[in-house]
């Protein structure tokens, strides 16, 4: 699997007439299957118990959610 950044950042338009304080940077997450061109044969698999907890059978497709407001070791951006 190729390197990818699961969290993307963008700068939305900020109106001068917006009554609220603007959020100058927003982010969103992308799932890992977007970066796989096809599912390769023979991928390693979780055990049935681990697969139920992870929500997927394949570790390559496992992507837990990390809050954008808490710094995590996976987030190298920003």
N, C-alpha and C. Protein backbone atom coordinates (compact mmCIF):
# COMPACT_ATOMS: atom_id res chain seq x y z
N UNK A 1 0.84 -1.18 0.00
CA UNK A 1 0.00 0.00 0.00
C UNK A 1 0.88 1.24 0.00
N UNK A 2 0.47 2.26 -0.72
CA UNK A 2 1.25 3.48 -0.83
C UNK A 2 1.05 4.37 0.39
N UNK A 3 2.00 5.29 0.57
CA UNK A 3 1.85 6.27 1.63
C UNK A 3 0.72 7.23 1.30
N UNK A 4 -0.03 7.59 2.29
CA UNK A 4 -1.11 8.54 2.11
C UNK A 4 -1.31 9.29 3.41
N UNK A 5 -1.96 10.43 3.32
CA UNK A 5 -2.31 11.17 4.52
C UNK A 5 -3.81 11.05 4.69
N UNK A 6 -4.26 10.43 5.77
CA UNK A 6 -5.70 10.22 5.93
C UNK A 6 -6.46 11.50 6.26
N UNK A 7 -5.81 12.50 6.80
CA UNK A 7 -6.49 13.76 7.13
C UNK A 7 -6.04 14.83 6.15
N UNK A 8 -7.03 15.41 5.47
CA UNK A 8 -6.78 16.48 4.49
C UNK A 8 -7.22 17.81 5.11
N UNK A 9 -6.57 18.88 4.72
CA UNK A 9 -6.87 20.22 5.23
C UNK A 9 -7.20 21.15 4.07
N UNK A 10 -8.10 22.09 4.31
CA UNK A 10 -8.40 23.11 3.31
C UNK A 10 -8.77 24.41 4.01
N UNK A 11 -8.72 25.49 3.26
CA UNK A 11 -9.02 26.82 3.78
C UNK A 11 -10.32 27.31 3.14
N UNK A 12 -11.43 27.32 3.89
CA UNK A 12 -12.69 27.77 3.31
C UNK A 12 -12.73 29.29 3.15
N UNK A 13 -13.65 29.73 2.34
CA UNK A 13 -13.85 31.17 2.15
C UNK A 13 -14.37 31.77 3.45
N UNK A 14 -13.81 32.92 3.83
CA UNK A 14 -14.24 33.63 5.03
C UNK A 14 -14.84 34.95 4.59
N UNK A 15 -16.11 35.12 4.81
CA UNK A 15 -16.80 36.35 4.43
C UNK A 15 -16.49 37.47 5.42
N UNK A 16 -16.32 38.68 4.93
CA UNK A 16 -16.11 39.80 5.86
C UNK A 16 -17.38 40.13 6.65
N UNK A 17 -18.52 39.61 6.20
CA UNK A 17 -19.79 39.90 6.86
C UNK A 17 -20.26 38.75 7.76
N UNK A 18 -19.41 37.76 7.96
CA UNK A 18 -19.77 36.62 8.81
C UNK A 18 -19.85 37.08 10.27
N UNK A 19 -20.98 36.85 10.95
CA UNK A 19 -21.10 37.31 12.33
C UNK A 19 -20.34 36.44 13.33
N UNK A 20 -19.93 35.24 12.93
CA UNK A 20 -19.22 34.33 13.83
C UNK A 20 -17.72 34.41 13.58
N UNK A 21 -16.93 34.07 14.57
CA UNK A 21 -15.48 34.00 14.32
C UNK A 21 -15.20 32.92 13.27
N UNK A 22 -14.40 33.22 12.28
CA UNK A 22 -14.20 32.26 11.19
C UNK A 22 -13.28 31.11 11.59
N UNK A 23 -13.54 29.96 10.98
CA UNK A 23 -12.63 28.82 11.06
C UNK A 23 -11.78 28.90 9.80
N UNK A 24 -10.52 29.22 9.95
CA UNK A 24 -9.67 29.44 8.77
C UNK A 24 -9.16 28.13 8.16
N UNK A 25 -9.11 27.07 8.95
CA UNK A 25 -8.68 25.77 8.43
C UNK A 25 -9.69 24.72 8.87
N UNK A 26 -10.13 23.91 7.91
CA UNK A 26 -11.03 22.79 8.20
C UNK A 26 -10.37 21.51 7.72
N UNK A 27 -10.81 20.38 8.26
CA UNK A 27 -10.19 19.11 7.87
C UNK A 27 -11.26 18.04 7.69
N UNK A 28 -10.87 16.99 6.98
CA UNK A 28 -11.73 15.83 6.79
C UNK A 28 -10.83 14.60 6.61
N UNK A 29 -11.39 13.42 6.85
CA UNK A 29 -10.64 12.17 6.73
C UNK A 29 -11.03 11.43 5.46
N UNK A 30 -10.04 10.76 4.89
CA UNK A 30 -10.30 9.91 3.73
C UNK A 30 -10.01 8.46 4.10
N UNK A 31 -10.83 7.53 3.66
CA UNK A 31 -10.61 6.12 4.01
C UNK A 31 -9.46 5.52 3.20
N UNK A 32 -8.77 4.51 3.74
CA UNK A 32 -7.61 3.94 3.06
C UNK A 32 -7.94 3.22 1.75
N UNK A 33 -9.17 2.74 1.57
CA UNK A 33 -9.47 2.03 0.32
C UNK A 33 -9.43 2.95 -0.90
N UNK A 34 -9.46 4.26 -0.70
CA UNK A 34 -9.36 5.19 -1.84
C UNK A 34 -7.98 5.14 -2.48
N UNK A 35 -6.99 4.68 -1.74
CA UNK A 35 -5.62 4.67 -2.22
C UNK A 35 -5.17 3.30 -2.71
N UNK A 36 -6.08 2.32 -2.68
CA UNK A 36 -5.77 0.99 -3.23
C UNK A 36 -6.41 0.90 -4.61
N UNK A 37 -5.62 0.62 -5.62
CA UNK A 37 -6.19 0.51 -6.96
C UNK A 37 -7.06 -0.75 -7.07
N UNK A 38 -6.65 -1.82 -6.42
CA UNK A 38 -7.44 -3.05 -6.35
C UNK A 38 -7.05 -3.75 -5.07
N UNK A 39 -7.85 -4.70 -4.66
CA UNK A 39 -7.53 -5.44 -3.43
C UNK A 39 -6.60 -6.58 -3.80
N UNK A 40 -5.34 -6.51 -3.37
CA UNK A 40 -4.38 -7.55 -3.74
C UNK A 40 -4.76 -8.91 -3.16
N UNK A 41 -4.34 -9.95 -3.86
CA UNK A 41 -4.59 -11.31 -3.41
C UNK A 41 -3.69 -11.62 -2.22
N UNK A 42 -4.20 -12.31 -1.24
CA UNK A 42 -3.40 -12.78 -0.12
C UNK A 42 -3.10 -11.72 0.94
N UNK A 43 -3.95 -10.72 1.08
CA UNK A 43 -3.74 -9.74 2.14
C UNK A 43 -3.84 -10.42 3.49
N UNK A 44 -3.04 -9.98 4.48
CA UNK A 44 -3.20 -10.55 5.82
C UNK A 44 -4.58 -10.24 6.37
N UNK A 45 -5.07 -11.11 7.23
CA UNK A 45 -6.42 -10.95 7.77
C UNK A 45 -6.37 -10.94 9.30
N UNK A 46 -7.32 -10.18 9.87
CA UNK A 46 -7.52 -10.23 11.31
C UNK A 46 -8.15 -11.57 11.68
N UNK A 47 -8.04 -11.95 12.94
CA UNK A 47 -8.80 -13.09 13.42
C UNK A 47 -10.27 -12.67 13.45
N UNK A 48 -11.21 -13.61 13.49
CA UNK A 48 -12.62 -13.22 13.51
C UNK A 48 -12.97 -12.27 14.66
N UNK A 49 -12.41 -12.50 15.84
CA UNK A 49 -12.69 -11.63 16.99
C UNK A 49 -12.15 -10.22 16.75
N UNK A 50 -10.90 -10.12 16.23
CA UNK A 50 -10.31 -8.80 15.94
C UNK A 50 -11.07 -8.10 14.83
N UNK A 51 -11.52 -8.86 13.82
CA UNK A 51 -12.25 -8.28 12.70
C UNK A 51 -13.57 -7.66 13.17
N UNK A 52 -14.25 -8.32 14.10
CA UNK A 52 -15.50 -7.75 14.63
C UNK A 52 -15.24 -6.46 15.38
N UNK A 53 -14.13 -6.39 16.10
CA UNK A 53 -13.79 -5.17 16.84
C UNK A 53 -13.33 -4.05 15.91
N UNK A 54 -12.59 -4.41 14.86
CA UNK A 54 -12.05 -3.40 13.94
C UNK A 54 -13.06 -2.96 12.89
N UNK A 55 -14.02 -3.83 12.57
CA UNK A 55 -15.00 -3.49 11.55
C UNK A 55 -14.57 -3.85 10.14
N UNK A 56 -13.46 -4.52 10.01
CA UNK A 56 -12.97 -4.97 8.71
C UNK A 56 -12.14 -6.22 8.90
N UNK A 57 -12.06 -7.04 7.87
CA UNK A 57 -11.28 -8.27 7.94
C UNK A 57 -9.80 -8.02 7.68
N UNK A 58 -9.48 -6.96 6.93
CA UNK A 58 -8.11 -6.73 6.51
C UNK A 58 -7.48 -5.55 7.25
N UNK A 59 -6.32 -5.74 7.86
CA UNK A 59 -5.64 -4.65 8.55
C UNK A 59 -5.29 -3.47 7.63
N UNK A 60 -5.07 -3.73 6.35
CA UNK A 60 -4.74 -2.64 5.42
C UNK A 60 -5.91 -1.68 5.25
N UNK A 61 -7.13 -2.14 5.51
CA UNK A 61 -8.30 -1.29 5.36
C UNK A 61 -8.80 -0.74 6.69
N UNK A 62 -8.12 -1.07 7.76
CA UNK A 62 -8.51 -0.58 9.09
C UNK A 62 -8.04 0.86 9.26
N UNK A 63 -8.96 1.73 9.64
CA UNK A 63 -8.64 3.13 9.83
C UNK A 63 -9.46 3.68 10.99
N UNK A 64 -8.90 3.69 12.19
CA UNK A 64 -9.65 4.22 13.32
C UNK A 64 -9.78 5.73 13.20
N UNK A 65 -10.80 6.29 13.83
CA UNK A 65 -11.03 7.72 13.79
C UNK A 65 -10.23 8.40 14.89
N UNK A 66 -9.52 9.45 14.53
CA UNK A 66 -8.80 10.27 15.50
C UNK A 66 -9.38 11.67 15.45
N UNK A 67 -9.64 12.25 16.59
CA UNK A 67 -10.22 13.59 16.66
C UNK A 67 -9.24 14.61 16.10
N UNK A 68 -9.71 15.54 15.27
CA UNK A 68 -8.82 16.57 14.75
C UNK A 68 -8.43 17.59 15.82
N UNK A 69 -9.09 17.56 16.96
CA UNK A 69 -8.84 18.54 18.00
C UNK A 69 -7.84 18.04 19.05
N UNK A 70 -7.49 16.77 18.97
CA UNK A 70 -6.51 16.21 19.89
C UNK A 70 -5.29 15.77 19.09
N UNK A 71 -4.12 16.11 19.57
CA UNK A 71 -2.89 15.71 18.88
C UNK A 71 -2.67 14.22 19.09
N UNK A 72 -2.37 13.51 18.03
CA UNK A 72 -2.15 12.08 18.08
C UNK A 72 -0.85 11.79 17.36
N UNK A 73 -0.20 10.69 17.70
CA UNK A 73 1.10 10.39 17.09
C UNK A 73 1.00 10.14 15.59
N UNK A 74 -0.19 9.78 15.08
CA UNK A 74 -0.35 9.54 13.66
C UNK A 74 -0.41 10.85 12.87
N UNK A 75 -0.82 11.91 13.49
CA UNK A 75 -0.99 13.18 12.78
C UNK A 75 0.34 13.92 12.73
N UNK A 76 0.96 13.90 11.56
CA UNK A 76 2.22 14.61 11.36
C UNK A 76 1.98 15.99 10.78
N UNK A 77 0.76 16.25 10.32
CA UNK A 77 0.43 17.53 9.68
C UNK A 77 0.17 18.60 10.72
N UNK A 78 0.29 19.80 10.27
CA UNK A 78 -0.03 21.01 11.02
C UNK A 78 0.81 21.29 12.17
